[in-house]
Amino acid sequence: MEGQNLELRYDQSKGHLNLSGTHLKSIPKFIFKLPGLKTLDLSNNHISRIPESIFFLPSLIKLDLSKNRIRRIQIKTKDTSKVRSLILSDNKISDISGFANRFPELQQLYVVKNKIDALEENMFAGMSLLRTLNLSVNKLDKLPKSLTKASLLKVLVLQRNQIEQFPSLLMKLRFLEDLDLSYNPLNEWPTDLLGFEFIRKLNLYKTSIPNLPKSIFTLPRVAELDIRGLTFDPYHVLESNPALNKIRTKFAIRAFLSFARKCANKDVDAEFRKTLFEIIVEQKERIPDEEEIREALKKLSSGFVDKARYQQYQKNNAQESIDINFKCTFFLDKSCQVPAYLKKKWANNLGLDITDIVDHADVVVFGIKGTEFMFESNHVSLNQFLRGISADFGISNRKRVYIESLISASSPKFRKIGMDLILGRGLVAEFEDELKKAIKLPDSITHNAMLNLLRNLN
């Protein structure tokens, strides 16, 4: 009666029989008589012995024997199986034999969480179509040489085994994309990974590799690395390919990874990236004179060289006071980005002599963007120029004209300079009307409210 009830579970239209969790202690005999059986689920039962004939049912393509009490699988027949997916996980298997050349159509094999300490050397012979192999949570310390016969293998999961030496045969699996060696006592890693052209995901978490080589990060297609707990030179990340978008590690390497991707997209040579990173991100290095480095910098940011040189000059001359002689003739370089109307207002109202011809100038003023000057003795930065002018004001009306010109400028940069001067010198009360107009404040706003607003804006 029980057998008849189980037979009723068979979906003949799909060729599917699900006997999972039915407390079976053995495989029912009626299974061997079912016509067109394609998928058979016997998981989560109490089966301890498996007749080899179950693997060779004429139409069977998927067999799930997981979560049983199987201890041994031995195949002695010379028949070949049509099974494509075989799941043997969560058993007590310590011995698997006779698989060689018996599963030519097998594509997925799961033998997770068993007690296997060794596999037959020829086990994978004839499995040329195998794409996924999961041998996690066993006691393996090496892999059989016949694994190379699975030449199309794409996913290999070996976590929680006893592998100490890197299995060199993995280098022959040319189409391997996903490799998981986590939780193994692996204590070495090859420096040459030429055989891993297709690796996209690599998990080395909880291994014992002493120092990861640069080759890990320069794999041509790797997109995800899990190297938590392992030591490595973070500068090696800078040479990674643009596909690498995720690295799991305890170190803060997001900046390295982002910079590497930017360099790769801009076609910046790997040999320059460390120097560039130290200049741009860490700001440790001065910009070198080497033309190749400067060209690489321009690839990453067309205005970075100018900006860095400007900031470098500012830093070196931060404490140097500049005396602005109003009898001098000034040339404001285009890098200052001072609009023509502002130059005209300064010339007319402040008495400054501003020329458009650099050779006619006594003092050359340069800004950040597009700077080409070499910081000669008569060159001053825009910041120094503006600071010098504001420091020299002795007549209130000239000071007022200068500050008004700034806070009413069309450029946000100059408006901020004007408001900084007002705040820094406590001149809010003197310029309340001008500020209300410049930043479109209502006439009814109080002095304190205006002061707080300006502080927030700055």
Protein backbone atom coordinates (compact mmCIF):
# COMPACT_ATOMS: atom_id res chain seq x y z
CA MET A 1 0.00 0.00 0.00
CA GLU A 2 2.85 2.34 0.89
CA GLY A 3 4.51 1.57 -2.43
CA GLN A 4 1.28 2.33 -4.28
CA ASN A 5 1.00 5.67 -2.48
CA LEU A 6 4.56 6.52 -3.46
CA GLU A 7 3.88 5.60 -7.06
CA LEU A 8 1.13 8.18 -7.12
CA ARG A 9 3.81 10.85 -6.65
CA TYR A 10 5.18 10.18 -10.12
CA ASP A 11 4.44 12.93 -12.62
CA GLN A 12 4.61 11.01 -15.86
CA SER A 13 4.09 14.09 -18.03
CA LYS A 14 7.33 15.58 -16.70
CA GLY A 15 9.10 12.33 -15.88
CA HIS A 16 9.60 13.55 -12.32
CA LEU A 17 9.39 11.61 -9.04
CA ASN A 18 9.84 13.35 -5.70
CA LEU A 19 10.27 11.02 -2.73
CA SER A 20 12.16 13.49 -0.56
CA GLY A 21 11.48 13.17 3.16
CA THR A 22 9.38 9.99 2.92
CA HIS A 23 11.42 8.07 5.55
CA LEU A 24 12.71 5.53 3.03
CA LYS A 25 15.37 3.08 4.21
CA SER A 26 15.92 1.60 0.77
CA ILE A 27 15.08 2.44 -2.81
CA PRO A 28 11.60 1.19 -3.78
CA LYS A 29 11.60 -1.43 -6.55
CA PHE A 30 8.83 0.23 -8.52
CA ILE A 31 11.25 3.01 -9.44
CA PHE A 32 13.11 0.69 -11.79
CA LYS A 33 9.90 0.05 -13.74
CA LEU A 34 8.76 3.64 -14.22
CA PRO A 35 8.60 4.62 -17.89
CA GLY A 36 10.44 7.79 -18.90
CA LEU A 37 11.78 8.67 -15.43
CA LYS A 38 14.00 11.75 -15.92
CA THR A 39 14.44 13.31 -12.49
CA LEU A 40 14.47 11.41 -9.20
CA ASP A 41 14.64 13.07 -5.79
CA LEU A 42 15.42 10.67 -2.92
CA SER A 43 16.89 13.29 -0.62
CA ASN A 44 16.29 13.58 3.11
CA ASN A 45 15.64 9.89 3.79
CA HIS A 46 17.39 7.06 5.68
CA ILE A 47 18.84 5.18 2.71
CA SER A 48 22.19 3.53 3.48
CA ARG A 49 22.77 1.33 0.42
CA ILE A 50 22.56 2.26 -3.23
CA PRO A 51 22.22 -0.33 -5.99
CA GLU A 52 24.46 0.72 -8.86
CA SER A 53 21.63 0.15 -11.31
CA ILE A 54 19.98 3.36 -10.05
CA PHE A 55 22.62 5.37 -11.93
CA PHE A 56 21.83 3.64 -15.21
CA LEU A 57 18.08 4.04 -15.60
CA PRO A 58 17.58 4.61 -19.34
CA SER A 59 16.02 8.12 -19.21
CA LEU A 60 17.35 9.43 -15.88
CA ILE A 61 19.19 12.76 -16.17
CA LYS A 62 19.01 14.08 -12.58
CA LEU A 63 19.47 12.10 -9.36
CA ASP A 64 19.40 13.60 -5.86
CA LEU A 65 20.58 11.30 -3.04
CA SER A 66 21.55 14.03 -0.60
CA LYS A 67 20.85 13.88 3.15
CA ASN A 68 20.83 10.11 3.50
CA ARG A 69 23.06 7.61 5.29
CA ILE A 70 25.09 6.34 2.37
CA ARG A 71 28.62 5.21 3.29
CA ARG A 72 29.93 3.74 0.08
CA ILE A 73 29.28 3.93 -3.67
CA GLN A 74 30.84 1.25 -5.85
CA ILE A 75 30.17 0.84 -9.54
CA LYS A 76 31.35 -2.32 -11.26
CA THR A 77 29.22 -2.40 -14.39
CA LYS A 78 30.64 -1.32 -17.75
CA ASP A 79 27.45 0.51 -18.70
CA THR A 80 27.38 4.27 -19.21
CA SER A 81 24.98 6.59 -17.44
CA LYS A 82 22.92 9.39 -18.97
CA VAL A 83 22.78 11.29 -15.67
CA ARG A 84 23.73 14.94 -16.08
CA SER A 85 23.26 16.12 -12.48
CA LEU A 86 24.25 13.94 -9.51
CA ILE A 87 23.85 15.11 -5.91
CA LEU A 88 25.48 13.00 -3.17
CA SER A 89 25.87 15.69 -0.51
CA ASP A 90 25.23 15.33 3.22
CA ASN A 91 25.92 11.62 3.54
CA LYS A 92 28.64 9.62 5.25
CA ILE A 93 30.45 8.55 2.10
CA SER A 94 34.07 7.57 2.62
CA ASP A 95 34.59 5.56 -0.57
CA ILE A 96 33.61 6.28 -4.16
CA SER A 97 34.89 3.91 -6.84
CA GLY A 98 34.16 2.84 -10.39
CA PHE A 99 33.12 6.26 -11.72
CA ALA A 100 35.76 6.38 -14.48
CA ASN A 101 34.24 6.41 -17.96
CA ARG A 102 30.77 5.68 -16.59
CA PHE A 103 29.35 9.23 -16.67
CA PRO A 104 30.12 10.76 -20.09
CA GLU A 105 27.14 13.17 -19.90
CA LEU A 106 27.62 14.35 -16.31
CA GLN A 107 27.61 18.16 -16.01
CA GLN A 108 27.09 18.71 -12.27
CA LEU A 109 28.50 16.66 -9.40
CA TYR A 110 27.93 17.56 -5.74
CA VAL A 111 29.63 15.47 -3.05
CA VAL A 112 29.52 18.02 -0.23
CA LYS A 113 29.81 17.18 3.46
CA ASN A 114 31.01 13.60 3.40
CA LYS A 115 34.05 11.75 4.76
CA ILE A 116 36.14 11.32 1.63
CA ASP A 117 39.90 11.51 2.14
CA ALA A 118 40.94 10.34 -1.33
CA LEU A 119 39.50 9.89 -4.81
CA GLU A 120 40.49 7.33 -7.41
CA GLU A 121 43.14 8.73 -9.73
CA ASN A 122 41.02 7.98 -12.80
CA MET A 123 37.68 9.03 -11.28
CA PHE A 124 37.06 11.91 -13.71
CA ALA A 125 38.09 10.05 -16.85
CA GLY A 126 35.37 10.40 -19.46
CA MET A 127 33.71 13.41 -17.75
CA SER A 128 34.56 15.84 -20.50
CA LEU A 129 31.23 17.69 -20.11
CA LEU A 130 31.52 18.32 -16.35
CA ARG A 131 30.95 22.01 -15.63
CA THR A 132 30.35 22.17 -11.84
CA LEU A 133 32.15 20.12 -9.17
CA ASN A 134 31.59 20.66 -5.45
CA LEU A 135 33.73 18.58 -3.07
CA SER A 136 33.42 20.85 -0.05
CA VAL A 137 33.61 19.67 3.56
CA ASN A 138 35.58 16.47 3.08
CA LYS A 139 39.09 15.36 4.05
CA LEU A 140 40.87 15.65 0.73
CA ASP A 141 44.51 16.70 0.73
CA LYS A 142 45.01 16.41 -3.01
CA LEU A 143 43.10 16.06 -6.26
CA PRO A 144 43.30 13.18 -8.75
CA LYS A 145 45.18 13.86 -11.97
CA SER A 146 42.17 12.79 -14.00
CA LEU A 147 40.44 16.06 -13.04
CA THR A 148 42.20 17.61 -16.02
CA LYS A 149 39.98 15.40 -18.21
CA ALA A 150 37.09 17.64 -17.15
CA SER A 151 38.45 20.22 -19.55
CA LEU A 152 35.26 22.33 -19.59
CA LEU A 153 35.02 22.64 -15.80
CA LYS A 154 33.69 26.07 -14.89
CA VAL A 155 33.01 25.95 -11.12
CA LEU A 156 35.20 24.12 -8.61
CA VAL A 157 34.39 24.32 -4.88
CA LEU A 158 36.92 22.74 -2.51
CA GLN A 159 36.30 24.62 0.73
CA ARG A 160 36.90 22.95 4.09
CA ASN A 161 39.26 20.21 3.01
CA GLN A 162 42.88 19.49 3.98
CA ILE A 163 44.73 20.86 0.95
CA GLU A 164 48.12 22.33 1.88
CA GLN A 165 49.90 22.53 -1.47
CA PHE A 166 48.46 24.35 -4.44
CA PRO A 167 47.11 21.73 -6.90
CA SER A 168 49.15 22.57 -9.99
CA LEU A 169 46.77 20.60 -12.18
CA LEU A 170 44.24 23.42 -11.74
CA MET A 171 46.34 25.47 -14.13
CA LYS A 172 45.29 23.09 -16.89
CA LEU A 173 41.60 23.79 -16.39
CA ARG A 174 41.59 26.59 -18.93
CA PHE A 175 37.88 27.43 -18.67
CA LEU A 176 37.69 27.54 -14.87
CA GLU A 177 35.81 30.67 -13.76
CA ASP A 178 34.93 30.12 -10.10
CA LEU A 179 37.45 28.57 -7.68
CA ASP A 180 36.82 28.24 -3.94
CA LEU A 181 39.73 27.05 -1.78
CA SER A 182 38.57 28.68 1.44
CA TYR A 183 39.11 27.01 4.82
CA ASN A 184 42.02 24.91 3.59
CA PRO A 185 45.49 24.94 5.20
CA LEU A 186 46.85 26.10 1.85
CA ASN A 187 50.31 27.56 2.47
CA GLU A 188 51.53 28.38 -1.03
CA TRP A 189 50.39 30.08 -4.17
CA PRO A 190 52.09 30.18 -7.58
CA THR A 191 53.45 33.49 -8.83
CA ASP A 192 52.67 32.52 -12.41
CA LEU A 193 48.95 32.18 -13.10
CA LEU A 194 49.02 32.03 -16.88
CA GLY A 195 46.58 29.11 -16.83
CA PHE A 196 43.85 31.12 -15.14
CA GLU A 197 42.78 33.29 -18.06
CA PHE A 198 39.05 32.85 -17.34
CA ILE A 199 38.99 33.04 -13.53
CA ARG A 200 36.31 35.53 -12.45
CA LYS A 201 35.78 34.60 -8.81
CA LEU A 202 38.47 33.40 -6.41
CA ASN A 203 37.95 32.60 -2.73
CA LEU A 204 41.03 32.15 -0.52
CA TYR A 205 39.40 33.05 2.80
CA LYS A 206 40.85 31.29 5.84
CA THR A 207 43.83 29.84 3.99
CA SER A 208 47.43 30.12 5.19
CA ILE A 209 49.11 31.70 2.18
CA PRO A 210 51.89 33.86 3.72
CA ASN A 211 51.94 36.74 1.22
CA LEU A 212 49.75 36.99 -1.84
CA PRO A 213 51.66 37.64 -5.07
CA LYS A 214 50.77 40.43 -7.45
CA SER A 215 49.55 37.88 -9.99
CA ILE A 216 46.36 37.41 -7.94
CA PHE A 217 45.25 40.96 -8.73
CA THR A 218 46.38 41.03 -12.35
CA LEU A 219 44.35 38.04 -13.54
CA PRO A 220 42.81 39.29 -16.79
CA ARG A 221 39.14 38.55 -16.00
CA VAL A 222 38.93 38.31 -12.22
CA ALA A 223 35.96 40.28 -10.87
CA GLU A 224 35.73 39.15 -7.24
CA LEU A 225 38.34 38.16 -4.66
CA ASP A 226 37.87 36.98 -1.10
CA ILE A 227 41.27 37.31 0.62
CA ARG A 228 40.18 38.05 4.15
CA GLY A 229 42.85 37.29 6.71
CA LEU A 230 45.66 37.28 4.14
CA THR A 231 48.52 39.77 3.79
CA PHE A 232 49.41 41.50 0.54
CA ASP A 233 50.89 44.69 -0.83
CA PRO A 234 47.92 47.03 -1.41
CA TYR A 235 49.83 48.78 -4.19
CA HIS A 236 49.50 45.54 -6.19
CA VAL A 237 45.79 46.28 -6.41
CA LEU A 238 46.64 49.32 -8.53
CA GLU A 239 47.69 47.02 -11.37
CA SER A 240 44.41 45.09 -11.42
CA ASN A 241 42.19 44.86 -14.46
CA PRO A 242 39.03 47.03 -14.76
CA ALA A 243 36.77 43.97 -14.27
CA LEU A 244 37.86 43.60 -10.62
CA ASN A 245 35.09 45.32 -8.67
CA LYS A 246 34.98 43.50 -5.34
CA ILE A 247 37.73 42.53 -2.90
CA ARG A 248 36.80 41.19 0.49
CA THR A 249 39.60 41.98 2.92
CA LYS A 250 40.11 43.62 6.29
CA PHE A 251 42.25 46.35 4.69
CA ALA A 252 40.80 49.59 3.35
CA ILE A 253 41.53 49.19 -0.34
CA ARG A 254 38.51 50.84 -1.95
CA ALA A 255 40.60 53.84 -2.98
CA PHE A 256 43.20 51.55 -4.57
CA LEU A 257 40.56 49.61 -6.47
CA SER A 258 38.75 52.71 -7.68
CA PHE A 259 42.01 54.29 -8.80
CA ALA A 260 43.06 51.11 -10.62
CA ARG A 261 39.79 51.05 -12.53
CA LYS A 262 40.17 54.68 -13.51
CA CYS A 263 43.74 54.07 -14.70
CA ALA A 264 42.67 51.04 -16.72
CA ASN A 265 39.83 52.94 -18.37
CA LYS A 266 42.22 55.78 -19.24
CA ASP A 267 44.82 53.31 -20.54
CA VAL A 268 47.48 54.35 -18.01
CA ASP A 269 50.43 51.96 -17.88
CA ALA A 270 50.56 49.78 -14.76
CA GLU A 271 54.19 50.75 -14.10
CA PHE A 272 53.19 54.36 -13.38
CA ARG A 273 50.14 53.73 -11.19
CA LYS A 274 51.86 53.55 -7.81
CA THR A 275 53.62 56.87 -8.39
CA LEU A 276 50.40 58.44 -9.64
CA PHE A 277 48.46 57.13 -6.64
CA GLU A 278 51.02 58.63 -4.26
CA ILE A 279 50.76 61.97 -6.07
CA ILE A 280 47.01 62.21 -6.56
CA VAL A 281 45.44 60.27 -3.70
CA GLU A 282 48.02 60.10 -0.93
CA GLN A 283 49.67 63.39 -1.89
CA LYS A 284 53.02 62.03 -0.73
CA GLU A 285 55.01 62.81 -3.82
CA ARG A 286 55.83 65.99 -5.67
CA ILE A 287 55.09 65.94 -9.36
CA PRO A 288 58.23 64.53 -11.00
CA ASP A 289 59.86 66.01 -14.06
CA GLU A 290 59.54 62.79 -16.10
CA GLU A 291 57.44 63.52 -19.15
CA GLU A 292 55.83 60.05 -19.07
CA ILE A 293 54.47 60.64 -15.57
CA ARG A 294 53.15 64.06 -16.51
CA GLU A 295 51.44 62.63 -19.60
CA ALA A 296 49.88 59.89 -17.47
CA LEU A 297 48.65 62.53 -15.02
CA LYS A 298 47.03 64.43 -17.85
CA LYS A 299 45.22 61.26 -18.96
CA LEU A 300 43.68 60.90 -15.52
CA SER A 301 42.87 64.58 -15.07
CA SER A 302 43.69 67.22 -17.63
CA GLY A 303 43.90 69.94 -15.00
CA PHE A 304 45.51 67.95 -12.22
CA VAL A 305 49.13 68.85 -13.02
CA ASP A 306 48.27 72.54 -13.00
CA LYS A 307 46.23 72.25 -9.82
CA ALA A 308 48.91 70.23 -8.03
CA ARG A 309 51.65 72.67 -9.01
CA TYR A 310 49.48 75.56 -7.84
CA GLN A 311 48.75 73.88 -4.50
CA GLN A 312 52.40 72.96 -4.14
CA TYR A 313 53.40 76.57 -4.68
CA GLN A 314 50.72 77.73 -2.24
CA LYS A 315 51.99 75.29 0.38
CA ASN A 316 55.59 76.39 -0.04
CA ASN A 317 54.69 80.06 0.15
CA ALA A 318 51.78 79.95 2.58
CA GLN A 319 53.43 82.22 5.12
CA GLU A 320 55.02 84.58 2.62
CA SER A 321 53.37 87.99 2.58
CA ILE A 322 53.02 89.73 -0.76
CA ASP A 323 53.25 93.51 -0.88
CA ILE A 324 51.07 94.76 -3.68
CA ASN A 325 52.49 97.92 -5.16
CA PHE A 326 49.65 99.75 -6.81
CA LYS A 327 52.10 101.34 -9.21
CA CYS A 328 52.89 97.89 -10.66
CA THR A 329 51.33 96.62 -13.83
CA PHE A 330 49.49 93.30 -13.37
CA PHE A 331 48.77 90.53 -15.83
CA LEU A 332 45.99 88.17 -14.74
CA ASP A 333 46.53 84.89 -16.55
CA LYS A 334 43.52 83.05 -17.99
CA SER A 335 44.11 80.37 -15.34
CA CYS A 336 42.77 82.87 -12.78
CA GLN A 337 39.40 82.77 -14.56
CA VAL A 338 38.75 86.39 -13.61
CA PRO A 339 36.02 87.69 -15.96
CA ALA A 340 36.74 90.80 -18.03
CA TYR A 341 34.11 92.95 -16.30
CA LEU A 342 35.74 92.24 -12.93
CA LYS A 343 39.17 93.22 -14.25
CA LYS A 344 37.66 96.43 -15.58
CA LYS A 345 35.97 97.22 -12.26
CA TRP A 346 39.21 96.67 -10.35
CA ALA A 347 41.15 98.83 -12.80
CA ASN A 348 38.64 101.68 -12.70
CA ASN A 349 37.70 101.68 -9.02
CA LEU A 350 40.81 100.35 -7.27
CA GLY A 351 43.37 102.09 -9.41
CA LEU A 352 45.01 98.84 -10.48
CA ASP A 353 46.97 98.83 -13.73
CA ILE A 354 45.90 95.57 -15.44
CA THR A 355 47.32 94.64 -18.84
CA ASP A 356 46.36 91.95 -21.31
CA ILE A 357 49.97 91.50 -22.49
CA VAL A 358 52.15 89.38 -20.23
CA ASP A 359 55.41 90.98 -21.43
CA HIS A 360 54.16 94.39 -20.27
CA ALA A 361 53.48 93.24 -16.71
CA ASP A 362 55.59 93.73 -13.61
CA VAL A 363 53.63 91.06 -11.72
CA VAL A 364 52.05 87.96 -13.24
CA VAL A 365 49.09 86.44 -11.38
CA PHE A 366 48.26 82.78 -12.04
CA GLY A 367 45.41 80.49 -10.96
CA ILE A 368 44.82 76.76 -10.82
CA LYS A 369 43.36 75.72 -14.15
CA GLY A 370 45.69 75.83 -17.14
CA THR A 371 48.73 77.15 -15.32
CA GLU A 372 51.86 77.04 -17.44
CA PHE A 373 54.17 79.35 -15.48
CA MET A 374 57.30 78.14 -13.70
CA PHE A 375 56.72 80.30 -10.60
CA GLU A 376 59.39 82.88 -11.25
CA SER A 377 60.15 85.76 -8.89
CA ASN A 378 57.52 88.08 -10.34
CA HIS A 379 54.78 85.40 -10.30
CA VAL A 380 52.15 85.30 -7.55
CA SER A 381 49.17 83.06 -7.06
CA LEU A 382 45.64 84.41 -7.33
CA ASN A 383 45.15 83.76 -3.61
CA GLN A 384 48.25 85.79 -2.77
CA PHE A 385 47.15 88.56 -5.10
CA LEU A 386 43.69 88.83 -3.54
CA ARG A 387 45.11 88.60 -0.03
CA GLY A 388 47.62 91.31 -0.83
CA ILE A 389 44.99 93.66 -2.20
CA SER A 390 42.66 93.22 0.76
CA ALA A 391 45.53 93.71 3.23
CA ASP A 392 46.61 96.96 1.60
CA PHE A 393 43.28 98.73 1.77
CA GLY A 394 43.55 101.77 3.92
CA ILE A 395 40.70 103.74 2.42
CA SER A 396 37.25 102.44 3.24
CA ASN A 397 35.69 103.26 -0.12
CA ARG A 398 38.34 101.25 -2.00
CA LYS A 399 37.79 98.33 0.37
CA ARG A 400 34.06 98.60 -0.16
CA VAL A 401 34.39 98.64 -3.96
CA TYR A 402 36.66 95.61 -3.86
CA ILE A 403 34.41 93.52 -1.62
CA GLU A 404 31.28 94.58 -3.47
CA SER A 405 32.85 93.49 -6.73
CA LEU A 406 33.50 90.08 -5.28
CA ILE A 407 30.14 89.35 -3.65
CA SER A 408 28.28 90.49 -6.77
CA ALA A 409 30.50 88.51 -9.17
CA SER A 410 28.89 85.91 -11.44
CA SER A 411 31.41 83.26 -10.37
CA PRO A 412 30.58 81.36 -7.13
CA LYS A 413 34.30 81.20 -6.41
CA PHE A 414 34.66 84.99 -6.23
CA ARG A 415 31.41 85.43 -4.35
CA LYS A 416 32.73 83.04 -1.69
CA ILE A 417 36.00 84.99 -1.46
CA GLY A 418 34.01 88.16 -0.82
CA MET A 419 31.87 86.56 1.88
CA ASP A 420 34.95 85.03 3.48
CA LEU A 421 36.48 88.53 3.71
CA ILE A 422 33.30 89.93 5.26
CA LEU A 423 33.05 87.17 7.83
CA GLY A 424 36.76 87.03 8.57
CA ARG A 425 36.96 90.75 9.25
CA GLY A 426 33.61 91.13 10.99
CA LEU A 427 32.15 93.42 8.34
CA VAL A 428 28.66 91.96 8.09
CA ALA A 429 27.01 95.09 9.47
CA GLU A 430 28.82 97.32 6.95
CA PHE A 431 27.72 95.19 4.00
CA GLU A 432 24.21 94.12 5.00
CA ASP A 433 22.51 95.87 2.10
CA GLU A 434 24.98 94.54 -0.45
CA LEU A 435 24.69 91.00 0.95
CA LYS A 436 20.90 91.05 0.85
CA LYS A 437 21.07 91.98 -2.79
CA ALA A 438 23.88 89.60 -3.72
CA ILE A 439 22.37 86.47 -2.19
CA LYS A 440 18.74 87.55 -2.56
CA LEU A 441 17.79 87.89 1.10
CA PRO A 442 14.62 89.62 2.28
CA ASP A 443 15.06 93.14 3.66
CA SER A 444 13.41 92.08 6.91
CA ILE A 445 16.11 89.51 7.82
CA THR A 446 17.85 90.26 11.13
CA HIS A 447 21.55 90.80 11.56
CA ASN A 448 22.03 87.57 13.56
CA ALA A 449 20.02 85.53 11.11
CA MET A 450 22.13 86.88 8.26
CA LEU A 451 25.32 86.08 10.16
CA ASN A 452 24.23 82.48 10.75
CA LEU A 453 23.20 82.08 7.13
CA LEU A 454 26.57 83.30 5.88
CA ARG A 455 28.41 80.95 8.21
CA ASN A 456 26.37 78.03 6.87
CA LEU A 457 27.04 79.07 3.30
CA ASN A 458 30.76 79.04 4.00
